[in-house]
C-alpha atoms as a PDB file:
ATOM      1  CA  UNK A   1       0.039  -0.018  -0.017  1.00  0.00           C
ATOM      2  CA  UNK A   2       1.574   3.305  -1.043  1.00  0.00           C
ATOM      3  CA  UNK A   3       1.968   6.248   1.340  1.00  0.00           C
ATOM      4  CA  UNK A   4      -0.830   8.370  -0.120  1.00  0.00           C
ATOM      5  CA  UNK A   5      -3.269   5.502  -0.013  1.00  0.00           C
ATOM      6  CA  UNK A   6      -2.255   4.598   3.534  1.00  0.00           C
ATOM      7  CA  UNK A   7      -2.979   8.136   4.666  1.00  0.00           C
ATOM      8  CA  UNK A   8      -6.413   8.020   3.079  1.00  0.00           C
ATOM      9  CA  UNK A   9      -7.133   4.627   4.744  1.00  0.00           C
ATOM     10  CA  UNK A  10      -6.102   6.003   8.131  1.00  0.00           C
ATOM     11  CA  UNK A  11      -8.353   8.999   7.715  1.00  0.00           C
ATOM     12  CA  UNK A  12     -11.333   6.933   6.487  1.00  0.00           C
ATOM     13  CA  UNK A  13     -10.843   4.536   9.455  1.00  0.00           C
ATOM     14  CA  UNK A  14     -10.853   7.502  11.857  1.00  0.00           C
ATOM     15  CA  UNK A  15     -13.995   9.000  10.379  1.00  0.00           C
ATOM     16  CA  UNK A  16     -15.790   5.659  10.470  1.00  0.00           C
ATOM     17  CA  UNK A  17     -14.807   4.958  14.103  1.00  0.00           C
ATOM     18  CA  UNK A  18     -16.139   8.436  15.150  1.00  0.00           C
ATOM     19  CA  UNK A  19     -19.496   8.025  13.315  1.00  0.00           C
ATOM     20  CA  UNK A  20     -20.227   4.470  14.640  1.00  0.00           C
ATOM     21  CA  UNK A  21     -22.035   5.828  17.693  1.00  0.00           C
ATOM     22  CA  UNK A  22     -24.320   7.885  15.591  1.00  0.00           C
ATOM     23  CA  UNK A  23     -26.009   4.951  13.777  1.00  0.00           C
ATOM     24  CA  UNK A  24     -28.328   4.369  16.760  1.00  0.00           C
ATOM     25  CA  UNK A  25     -30.228   7.668  16.933  1.00  0.00           C
ATOM     26  CA  UNK A  26     -31.621   9.822  14.077  1.00  0.00           C
ATOM     27  CA  UNK A  27     -29.404  12.451  12.558  1.00  0.00           C
ATOM     28  CA  UNK A  28     -32.626  14.512  12.082  1.00  0.00           C
ATOM     29  CA  UNK A  29     -36.262  13.649  12.127  1.00  0.00           C
ATOM     30  CA  UNK A  30     -36.640  10.065  10.847  1.00  0.00           C
ATOM     31  CA  UNK A  31     -33.299  10.123   9.008  1.00  0.00           C
ATOM     32  CA  UNK A  32     -30.500   7.886  10.287  1.00  0.00           C
ATOM     33  CA  UNK A  33     -26.827   7.298   9.394  1.00  0.00           C
ATOM     34  CA  UNK A  34     -26.928   4.189   7.243  1.00  0.00           C
ATOM     35  CA  UNK A  35     -23.323   3.984   6.039  1.00  0.00           C
ATOM     36  CA  UNK A  36     -19.915   5.470   5.414  1.00  0.00           C
ATOM     37  CA  UNK A  37     -18.605   4.579   1.936  1.00  0.00           C
ATOM     38  CA  UNK A  38     -14.852   5.099   1.281  1.00  0.00           C
ATOM     39  CA  UNK A  39     -13.603   6.373  -2.051  1.00  0.00           C
ATOM     40  CA  UNK A  40     -10.101   7.410  -3.033  1.00  0.00           C
ATOM     41  CA  UNK A  41     -10.411  11.184  -2.421  1.00  0.00           C
ATOM     42  CA  UNK A  42     -13.733  11.417  -0.577  1.00  0.00           C
ATOM     43  CA  UNK A  43     -16.086   9.817   1.836  1.00  0.00           C
ATOM     44  CA  UNK A  44     -19.741   9.103   1.085  1.00  0.00           C
ATOM     45  CA  UNK A  45     -22.080   9.482   4.055  1.00  0.00           C
ATOM     46  CA  UNK A  46     -25.278   7.413   3.509  1.00  0.00           C
ATOM     47  CA  UNK A  47     -28.463   8.674   5.143  1.00  0.00           C
ATOM     48  CA  UNK A  48     -31.953   7.146   5.151  1.00  0.00           C
ATOM     49  CA  UNK A  49     -34.651   5.485   7.193  1.00  0.00           C
ATOM     50  CA  UNK A  50     -33.760   2.853   9.841  1.00  0.00           C
ATOM     51  CA  UNK A  51     -36.081   0.536   7.890  1.00  0.00           C
ATOM     52  CA  UNK A  52     -35.054   0.305   4.227  1.00  0.00           C
ATOM     53  CA  UNK A  53     -38.722  -0.190   3.222  1.00  0.00           C
ATOM     54  CA  UNK A  54     -39.902   3.227   4.271  1.00  0.00           C
ATOM     55  CA  UNK A  55     -39.031   6.877   3.542  1.00  0.00           C
ATOM     56  CA  UNK A  56     -36.677   8.652   3.439  1.00  0.00           C
ATOM     57  CA  UNK A  57     -34.894   6.775   0.713  1.00  0.00           C
ATOM     58  CA  UNK A  58     -31.109   6.347   1.111  1.00  0.00           C
ATOM     59  CA  UNK A  59     -28.882   9.131  -0.278  1.00  0.00           C
ATOM     60  CA  UNK A  60     -25.078   9.044  -0.483  1.00  0.00           C
ATOM     61  CA  UNK A  61     -23.488  12.520   0.160  1.00  0.00           C
ATOM     62  CA  UNK A  62     -19.945  12.704  -1.170  1.00  0.00           C
ATOM     63  CA  UNK A  63     -17.624  14.989   0.790  1.00  0.00           C
ATOM     64  CA  UNK A  64     -13.832  15.451   0.008  1.00  0.00           C
ATOM     65  CA  UNK A  65     -11.273  14.145   2.436  1.00  0.00           C
ATOM     66  CA  UNK A  66      -9.236  17.394   2.004  1.00  0.00           C
ATOM     67  CA  UNK A  67     -10.459  21.012   1.920  1.00  0.00           C
ATOM     68  CA  UNK A  68      -9.253  23.752  -0.432  1.00  0.00           C
ATOM     69  CA  UNK A  69      -6.174  24.240   1.813  1.00  0.00           C
ATOM     70  CA  UNK A  70      -5.365  20.528   1.789  1.00  0.00           C
ATOM     71  CA  UNK A  71      -6.406  20.294   5.436  1.00  0.00           C
ATOM     72  CA  UNK A  72      -7.961  16.854   6.340  1.00  0.00           C
ATOM     73  CA  UNK A  73     -11.665  16.569   6.966  1.00  0.00           C
ATOM     74  CA  UNK A  74     -12.391  16.128  10.671  1.00  0.00           C
ATOM     75  CA  UNK A  75     -15.033  13.847  12.053  1.00  0.00           C
ATOM     76  CA  UNK A  76     -16.986  16.413  14.093  1.00  0.00           C
ATOM     77  CA  UNK A  77     -17.231  18.606  10.981  1.00  0.00           C
ATOM     78  CA  UNK A  78     -18.402  15.626   8.933  1.00  0.00           C
ATOM     79  CA  UNK A  79     -21.084  14.811  11.528  1.00  0.00           C
ATOM     80  CA  UNK A  80     -22.171  18.506  11.527  1.00  0.00           C
ATOM     81  CA  UNK A  81     -22.519  18.526   7.812  1.00  0.00           C
ATOM     82  CA  UNK A  82     -24.369  15.145   7.804  1.00  0.00           C
ATOM     83  CA  UNK A  83     -26.913  16.484  10.239  1.00  0.00           C
ATOM     84  CA  UNK A  84     -27.467  19.622   8.160  1.00  0.00           C
ATOM     85  CA  UNK A  85     -27.978  17.549   5.018  1.00  0.00           C
ATOM     86  CA  UNK A  86     -30.341  15.104   6.847  1.00  0.00           C
ATOM     87  CA  UNK A  87     -32.447  17.986   8.121  1.00  0.00           C
ATOM     88  CA  UNK A  88     -32.648  19.754   4.793  1.00  0.00           C
ATOM     89  CA  UNK A  89     -35.010  19.193   1.818  1.00  0.00           C
ATOM     90  CA  UNK A  90     -34.513  16.041  -0.274  1.00  0.00           C
ATOM     91  CA  UNK A  91     -31.545  16.536  -2.584  1.00  0.00           C
ATOM     92  CA  UNK A  92     -32.035  16.083  -6.284  1.00  0.00           C
ATOM     93  CA  UNK A  93     -29.311  14.290  -8.250  1.00  0.00           C
ATOM     94  CA  UNK A  94     -28.793  12.862 -11.667  1.00  0.00           C
ATOM     95  CA  UNK A  95     -26.013  10.570 -10.370  1.00  0.00           C
ATOM     96  CA  UNK A  96     -26.425   7.329  -8.421  1.00  0.00           C
ATOM     97  CA  UNK A  97     -24.301   4.601  -6.800  1.00  0.00           C
ATOM     98  CA  UNK A  98     -25.473   1.174  -5.695  1.00  0.00           C
ATOM     99  CA  UNK A  99     -29.075   2.184  -6.320  1.00  0.00           C
ATOM    100  CA  UNK A 100     -28.850   5.314  -4.148  1.00  0.00           C
ATOM    101  CA  UNK A 101     -28.967   8.879  -5.206  1.00  0.00           C
ATOM    102  CA  UNK A 102     -25.390  10.379  -5.156  1.00  0.00           C
ATOM    103  CA  UNK A 103     -24.943  14.043  -4.233  1.00  0.00           C
ATOM    104  CA  UNK A 104     -21.560  15.709  -4.462  1.00  0.00           C
ATOM    105  CA  UNK A 105     -21.632  18.299  -1.672  1.00  0.00           C
ATOM    106  CA  UNK A 106     -20.328  21.852  -2.087  1.00  0.00           C
ATOM    107  CA  UNK A 107     -19.024  22.283   1.447  1.00  0.00           C
ATOM    108  CA  UNK A 108     -18.218  26.003   0.789  1.00  0.00           C
ATOM    109  CA  UNK A 109     -21.990  26.748   0.999  1.00  0.00           C
ATOM    110  CA  UNK A 110     -22.937  24.275   3.751  1.00  0.00           C
ATOM    111  CA  UNK A 111     -23.147  25.257   7.426  1.00  0.00           C
ATOM    112  CA  UNK A 112     -22.532  22.369   9.813  1.00  0.00           C
ATOM    113  CA  UNK A 113     -24.990  21.774  12.594  1.00  0.00           C
ATOM    114  CA  UNK A 114     -23.695  22.700  16.052  1.00  0.00           C
ATOM    115  CA  UNK A 115     -22.639  19.695  18.309  1.00  0.00           C
ATOM    116  CA  UNK A 116     -25.262  18.706  20.796  1.00  0.00           C
ATOM    117  CA  UNK A 117     -24.704  18.102  24.538  1.00  0.00           C
ATOM    118  CA  UNK A 118     -24.873  14.349  23.765  1.00  0.00           C
ATOM    119  CA  UNK A 119     -22.061  14.784  21.300  1.00  0.00           C
ATOM    120  CA  UNK A 120     -20.003  16.606  23.837  1.00  0.00           C
ATOM    121  CA  UNK A 121     -20.645  13.880  26.400  1.00  0.00           C
ATOM    122  CA  UNK A 122     -19.665  11.153  23.870  1.00  0.00           C
ATOM    123  CA  UNK A 123     -16.421  13.048  23.158  1.00  0.00           C
ATOM    124  CA  UNK A 124     -15.441  12.989  26.837  1.00  0.00           C
ATOM    125  CA  UNK A 125     -16.426   9.299  27.295  1.00  0.00           C
ATOM    126  CA  UNK A 126     -14.849   8.143  24.070  1.00  0.00           C
ATOM    127  CA  UNK A 127     -11.590   9.878  24.892  1.00  0.00           C
ATOM    128  CA  UNK A 128     -11.430   8.201  28.268  1.00  0.00           C
ATOM    129  CA  UNK A 129     -12.668   4.763  27.221  1.00  0.00           C
ATOM    130  CA  UNK A 130     -10.901   4.511  23.872  1.00  0.00           C
ATOM    131  CA  UNK A 131      -7.693   6.498  24.034  1.00  0.00           C
ATOM    132  CA  UNK A 132      -5.491   6.734  20.961  1.00  0.00           C
ATOM    133  CA  UNK A 133      -3.178   3.812  20.500  1.00  0.00           C
ATOM    134  CA  UNK A 134      -0.099   3.699  18.330  1.00  0.00           C
ATOM    135  CA  UNK A 135      -1.234   0.528  16.533  1.00  0.00           C
ATOM    136  CA  UNK A 136      -4.845   0.727  15.397  1.00  0.00           C
ATOM    137  CA  UNK A 137      -6.768  -2.463  14.615  1.00  0.00           C
ATOM    138  CA  UNK A 138      -5.868  -4.419  11.575  1.00  0.00           C
ATOM    139  CA  UNK A 139      -7.495  -4.763   9.105  1.00  0.00           C
ATOM    140  CA  UNK A 140      -8.681  -1.196   9.374  1.00  0.00           C
ATOM    141  CA  UNK A 141     -12.481  -0.601   9.127  1.00  0.00           C
ATOM    142  CA  UNK A 142     -12.762   2.142   6.500  1.00  0.00           C
ATOM    143  CA  UNK A 143     -16.495   2.127   6.006  1.00  0.00           C
ATOM    144  CA  UNK A 144     -19.742   0.194   6.387  1.00  0.00           C
ATOM    145  CA  UNK A 145     -23.207   0.010   4.909  1.00  0.00           C
ATOM    146  CA  UNK A 146     -26.404  -1.537   6.343  1.00  0.00           C
ATOM    147  CA  UNK A 147     -27.695  -3.717   3.609  1.00  0.00           C
ATOM    148  CA  UNK A 148     -30.765  -5.269   5.281  1.00  0.00           C
ATOM    149  CA  UNK A 149     -32.446  -5.768   8.676  1.00  0.00           C
ATOM    150  CA  UNK A 150     -29.804  -8.266   9.825  1.00  0.00           C
ATOM    151  CA  UNK A 151     -26.928  -7.703   7.384  1.00  0.00           C
ATOM    152  CA  UNK A 152     -24.217  -5.195   6.603  1.00  0.00           C
ATOM    153  CA  UNK A 153     -21.192  -4.757   4.426  1.00  0.00           C
ATOM    154  CA  UNK A 154     -17.811  -3.962   6.034  1.00  0.00           C
ATOM    155  CA  UNK A 155     -15.089  -2.156   4.055  1.00  0.00           C
ATOM    156  CA  UNK A 156     -11.656  -3.379   5.264  1.00  0.00           C
ATOM    157  CA  UNK A 157      -8.119  -2.427   4.298  1.00  0.00           C
ATOM    158  CA  UNK A 158      -6.323  -5.649   3.657  1.00  0.00           C
ATOM    159  CA  UNK A 159      -2.550  -5.764   3.193  1.00  0.00           C
ATOM    160  CA  UNK A 160      -2.697  -8.087   0.157  1.00  0.00           C
ATOM    161  CA  UNK A 161      -4.433  -5.442  -1.999  1.00  0.00           C
ATOM    162  CA  UNK A 162      -4.298  -1.703  -2.669  1.00  0.00           C
ATOM    163  CA  UNK A 163      -8.055  -1.571  -2.808  1.00  0.00           C
ATOM    164  CA  UNK A 164     -10.521  -2.373  -0.027  1.00  0.00           C
ATOM    165  CA  UNK A 165     -12.288  -5.680   0.624  1.00  0.00           C
ATOM    166  CA  UNK A 166     -15.978  -5.530   1.339  1.00  0.00           C
ATOM    167  CA  UNK A 167     -17.132  -8.315   3.623  1.00  0.00           C
ATOM    168  CA  UNK A 168     -20.849  -9.115   3.744  1.00  0.00           C
ATOM    169  CA  UNK A 169     -21.872 -10.387   7.208  1.00  0.00           C
ATOM    170  CA  UNK A 170     -25.051 -11.273   9.075  1.00  0.00           C
ATOM    171  CA  UNK A 171     -25.838  -9.637  12.452  1.00  0.00           C
ATOM    172  CA  UNK A 172     -27.370 -12.911  13.707  1.00  0.00           C
ATOM    173  CA  UNK A 173     -25.532 -16.124  14.296  1.00  0.00           C
ATOM    174  CA  UNK A 174     -22.058 -16.831  15.714  1.00  0.00           C
ATOM    175  CA  UNK A 175     -20.814 -13.239  15.718  1.00  0.00           C
ATOM    176  CA  UNK A 176     -18.071 -13.816  18.281  1.00  0.00           C
ATOM    177  CA  UNK A 177     -16.452 -16.617  16.145  1.00  0.00           C
ATOM    178  CA  UNK A 178     -16.942 -14.572  12.931  1.00  0.00           C
ATOM    179  CA  UNK A 179     -15.177 -11.494  14.347  1.00  0.00           C
ATOM    180  CA  UNK A 180     -12.305 -13.573  15.586  1.00  0.00           C
ATOM    181  CA  UNK A 181     -11.868 -15.205  12.150  1.00  0.00           C
ATOM    182  CA  UNK A 182     -12.597 -12.128  10.074  1.00  0.00           C
ATOM    183  CA  UNK A 183      -8.953 -10.868   9.701  1.00  0.00           C
ATOM    184  CA  UNK A 184      -7.837 -14.183   8.239  1.00  0.00           C
ATOM    185  CA  UNK A 185     -11.051 -14.766   6.190  1.00  0.00           C
ATOM    186  CA  UNK A 186     -10.869 -11.497   4.286  1.00  0.00           C
ATOM    187  CA  UNK A 187      -7.223 -12.178   3.400  1.00  0.00           C
ATOM    188  CA  UNK A 188      -7.996 -15.491   1.638  1.00  0.00           C
ATOM    189  CA  UNK A 189      -7.870 -14.563  -2.045  1.00  0.00           C
ATOM    190  CA  UNK A 190      -9.901 -17.663  -3.062  1.00  0.00           C
ATOM    191  CA  UNK A 191     -12.864 -16.006  -1.397  1.00  0.00           C
ATOM    192  CA  UNK A 192     -12.494 -12.737  -3.362  1.00  0.00           C
ATOM    193  CA  UNK A 193     -15.230 -11.863  -5.913  1.00  0.00           C
ATOM    194  CA  UNK A 194     -15.401  -8.827  -8.114  1.00  0.00           C
ATOM    195  CA  UNK A 195     -18.607  -6.767  -7.548  1.00  0.00           C
ATOM    196  CA  UNK A 196     -18.998  -4.401 -10.469  1.00  0.00           C
ATOM    197  CA  UNK A 197     -22.015  -2.708  -8.761  1.00  0.00           C
ATOM    198  CA  UNK A 198     -19.887  -1.459  -5.879  1.00  0.00           C
ATOM    199  CA  UNK A 199     -17.157   1.079  -6.764  1.00  0.00           C
ATOM    200  CA  UNK A 200     -15.930   1.359  -3.127  1.00  0.00           C
ATOM    201  CA  UNK A 201     -14.049  -1.893  -3.046  1.00  0.00           C
ATOM    202  CA  UNK A 202     -11.751  -4.024  -5.217  1.00  0.00           C
ATOM    203  CA  UNK A 203     -13.289  -7.323  -4.131  1.00  0.00           C
ATOM    204  CA  UNK A 204     -16.059  -8.660  -1.994  1.00  0.00           C
ATOM    205  CA  UNK A 205     -16.174 -11.636   0.374  1.00  0.00           C
ATOM    206  CA  UNK A 206     -19.543 -13.252   1.234  1.00  0.00           C
ATOM    207  CA  UNK A 207     -19.523 -14.310   4.880  1.00  0.00           C
ATOM    208  CA  UNK A 208     -23.242 -14.306   5.356  1.00  0.00           C
ATOM    209  CA  UNK A 209     -23.386 -18.090   5.606  1.00  0.00           C
ATOM    210  CA  UNK A 210     -20.150 -18.527   7.670  1.00  0.00           C
END
């Protein structure tokens, strides 16, 4: 993995870790965070209903990893923008990705929502409970997408490839055993399949029946 790609992976993993807590409560109204999709120069925040069968339909908002001054996107700012976008009117778009509307966001004209008291409390608790460590988990989790009531896709940075591996998993079943085996399973090249419908990964691994 080259240096530039490694920096992007580290930033995407940081953004993903920060946003995990915010999948459980609405960003605004009935709109939830449904995923974080990693691309080479941007991150795509997916919003939608907690139940895929009801409105609002999922939308992927693409936000650059760097601003005009080449400063890296911070997670609190990304969360603020996501809340503003979720609270606003439905965004029209001629582009799509994986069946979702794709909106490329002009951050110069977008005001981030202010952090709530719950955000501030999470910041304190997260800092004390999960302090920064020199060696982050491997493989790095660079994104995720809820794909059904009991399934999700995990985007993982695997050493054997410059792209990301997307692992499809079920949330029911032997999760403890799956999580323990996941690092080795996603590195087994014989499991890799090309998914032309998903531009956020180089290969997928189906672990839904594991």
